[in-house]
Amino acid sequence: MLLTSLLVLVLSSHSLARNVDYTEFLQKYNYLPRGNNQLSSTSLTEALKNMQRMAGLEETGDLDERTLRMMERPRWWTPGCWRN
């Protein structure tokens, strides 16, 4: 429970700064299951690695600056396809 709260806090701080909900992004594009309020660090890391792989980024599993920028870019209708 504490870990989930910390993850939400970290994601929320990025969301407030950039006006984007990254947990929602990962759920919307099927990197995380929808309606899962009990996120573990492992599930979040794996979801980020999968998203990074699809985006052609280094698979760190971290919510780093390159990953944040990629999440904010417009996407084609196909999951994992970003516009240049």
C-alpha atoms as a PDB file:
ATOM      1  CA  MET A   1       0.000   0.000   0.000  1.00  0.00           C
ATOM      2  CA  LEU A   2       2.826   2.396   0.853  1.00  0.00           C
ATOM      3  CA  LEU A   3       4.556   1.577  -2.438  1.00  0.00           C
ATOM      4  CA  THR A   4       1.348   2.282  -4.371  1.00  0.00           C
ATOM      5  CA  SER A   5       0.985   5.610  -2.575  1.00  0.00           C
ATOM      6  CA  LEU A   6       4.564   6.556  -3.417  1.00  0.00           C
ATOM      7  CA  LEU A   7       4.102   5.626  -7.078  1.00  0.00           C
ATOM      8  CA  VAL A   8       0.929   7.677  -7.274  1.00  0.00           C
ATOM      9  CA  LEU A   9       2.726  10.591  -5.643  1.00  0.00           C
ATOM     10  CA  VAL A  10       5.628  10.399  -8.108  1.00  0.00           C
ATOM     11  CA  LEU A  11       3.329  10.048 -11.089  1.00  0.00           C
ATOM     12  CA  SER A  12       1.057  12.793  -9.780  1.00  0.00           C
ATOM     13  CA  SER A  13       3.930  15.230  -9.393  1.00  0.00           C
ATOM     14  CA  HIS A  14       4.827  14.697 -13.049  1.00  0.00           C
ATOM     15  CA  SER A  15       1.147  14.906 -13.987  1.00  0.00           C
ATOM     16  CA  LEU A  16       0.696  18.237 -12.239  1.00  0.00           C
ATOM     17  CA  ALA A  17       3.797  19.654 -13.852  1.00  0.00           C
ATOM     18  CA  ARG A  18       2.846  18.530 -17.337  1.00  0.00           C
ATOM     19  CA  ASN A  19      -0.927  18.089 -17.038  1.00  0.00           C
ATOM     20  CA  VAL A  20      -0.787  14.391 -18.072  1.00  0.00           C
ATOM     21  CA  ASP A  21      -1.771  11.278 -16.121  1.00  0.00           C
ATOM     22  CA  TYR A  22       0.838   8.646 -16.964  1.00  0.00           C
ATOM     23  CA  THR A  23      -0.925   5.813 -15.160  1.00  0.00           C
ATOM     24  CA  GLU A  24      -3.963   6.534 -17.323  1.00  0.00           C
ATOM     25  CA  PHE A  25      -1.713   6.624 -20.416  1.00  0.00           C
ATOM     26  CA  LEU A  26      -0.258   3.197 -19.593  1.00  0.00           C
ATOM     27  CA  GLN A  27      -3.759   1.807 -19.036  1.00  0.00           C
ATOM     28  CA  LYS A  28      -5.235   3.460 -22.138  1.00  0.00           C
ATOM     29  CA  TYR A  29      -2.633   1.847 -24.384  1.00  0.00           C
ATOM     30  CA  ASN A  30      -2.803  -1.529 -22.588  1.00  0.00           C
ATOM     31  CA  TYR A  31       0.581  -1.433 -20.896  1.00  0.00           C
ATOM     32  CA  LEU A  32      -1.204  -1.707 -17.522  1.00  0.00           C
ATOM     33  CA  PRO A  33      -4.581  -3.343 -16.815  1.00  0.00           C
ATOM     34  CA  ARG A  34      -7.463  -0.876 -16.447  1.00  0.00           C
ATOM     35  CA  GLY A  35      -8.960  -0.319 -13.028  1.00  0.00           C
ATOM     36  CA  ASN A  36      -5.893  -1.622 -11.212  1.00  0.00           C
ATOM     37  CA  ASN A  37      -5.452   0.679  -8.213  1.00  0.00           C
ATOM     38  CA  GLN A  38      -2.884  -1.577  -6.521  1.00  0.00           C
ATOM     39  CA  LEU A  39       0.160  -1.026  -8.719  1.00  0.00           C
ATOM     40  CA  SER A  40       3.392  -2.716  -7.726  1.00  0.00           C
ATOM     41  CA  SER A  41       6.800  -1.346  -8.637  1.00  0.00           C
ATOM     42  CA  THR A  42       7.334  -4.475 -10.750  1.00  0.00           C
ATOM     43  CA  SER A  43       4.145  -4.005 -12.779  1.00  0.00           C
ATOM     44  CA  LEU A  44       4.891  -0.316 -13.340  1.00  0.00           C
ATOM     45  CA  THR A  45       8.492  -1.058 -14.338  1.00  0.00           C
ATOM     46  CA  GLU A  46       7.397  -3.766 -16.775  1.00  0.00           C
ATOM     47  CA  ALA A  47       4.698  -1.520 -18.246  1.00  0.00           C
ATOM     48  CA  LEU A  48       7.238   1.260 -18.778  1.00  0.00           C
ATOM     49  CA  LYS A  49       9.731  -1.168 -20.358  1.00  0.00           C
ATOM     50  CA  ASN A  50       7.059  -2.427 -22.770  1.00  0.00           C
ATOM     51  CA  MET A  51       6.077   1.131 -23.686  1.00  0.00           C
ATOM     52  CA  GLN A  52       9.731   2.105 -24.152  1.00  0.00           C
ATOM     53  CA  ARG A  53      10.320  -0.941 -26.388  1.00  0.00           C
ATOM     54  CA  MET A  54       7.336  -0.021 -28.576  1.00  0.00           C
ATOM     55  CA  ALA A  55       8.564   3.589 -28.775  1.00  0.00           C
ATOM     56  CA  GLY A  56      12.111   2.586 -29.703  1.00  0.00           C
ATOM     57  CA  LEU A  57      13.572   3.928 -26.454  1.00  0.00           C
ATOM     58  CA  GLU A  58      16.123   2.336 -24.169  1.00  0.00           C
ATOM     59  CA  GLU A  59      14.233  -0.108 -21.930  1.00  0.00           C
ATOM     60  CA  THR A  60      15.069   1.262 -18.487  1.00  0.00           C
ATOM     61  CA  GLY A  61      11.681   0.873 -16.821  1.00  0.00           C
ATOM     62  CA  ASP A  62      12.174   4.379 -15.428  1.00  0.00           C
ATOM     63  CA  LEU A  63       9.854   7.319 -15.957  1.00  0.00           C
ATOM     64  CA  ASP A  64      12.737   9.373 -17.359  1.00  0.00           C
ATOM     65  CA  GLU A  65      12.641  12.551 -19.425  1.00  0.00           C
ATOM     66  CA  ARG A  66      12.770  10.772 -22.816  1.00  0.00           C
ATOM     67  CA  THR A  67       9.876   8.510 -21.798  1.00  0.00           C
ATOM     68  CA  LEU A  68       7.844  11.465 -20.532  1.00  0.00           C
ATOM     69  CA  ARG A  69       8.393  13.366 -23.787  1.00  0.00           C
ATOM     70  CA  MET A  70       7.395  10.328 -25.847  1.00  0.00           C
ATOM     71  CA  MET A  71       4.180   9.878 -23.840  1.00  0.00           C
ATOM     72  CA  GLU A  72       3.239  13.478 -24.582  1.00  0.00           C
ATOM     73  CA  ARG A  73       3.674  13.118 -28.352  1.00  0.00           C
ATOM     74  CA  PRO A  74       0.661  12.527 -30.604  1.00  0.00           C
ATOM     75  CA  ARG A  75       0.073   8.887 -31.509  1.00  0.00           C
ATOM     76  CA  TRP A  76      -1.354   7.187 -34.548  1.00  0.00           C
ATOM     77  CA  TRP A  77      -4.410   5.033 -33.905  1.00  0.00           C
ATOM     78  CA  THR A  78      -2.291   1.866 -33.720  1.00  0.00           C
ATOM     79  CA  PRO A  79      -0.867   1.121 -30.237  1.00  0.00           C
ATOM     80  CA  GLY A  80       2.849   1.801 -30.062  1.00  0.00           C
ATOM     81  CA  CYS A  81       2.971   4.077 -33.110  1.00  0.00           C
ATOM     82  CA  TRP A  82       4.061   7.655 -32.554  1.00  0.00           C
ATOM     83  CA  ARG A  83       4.029  10.454 -35.101  1.00  0.00           C
ATOM     84  CA  ASN A  84       7.315  12.108 -35.963  1.00  0.00           C
END
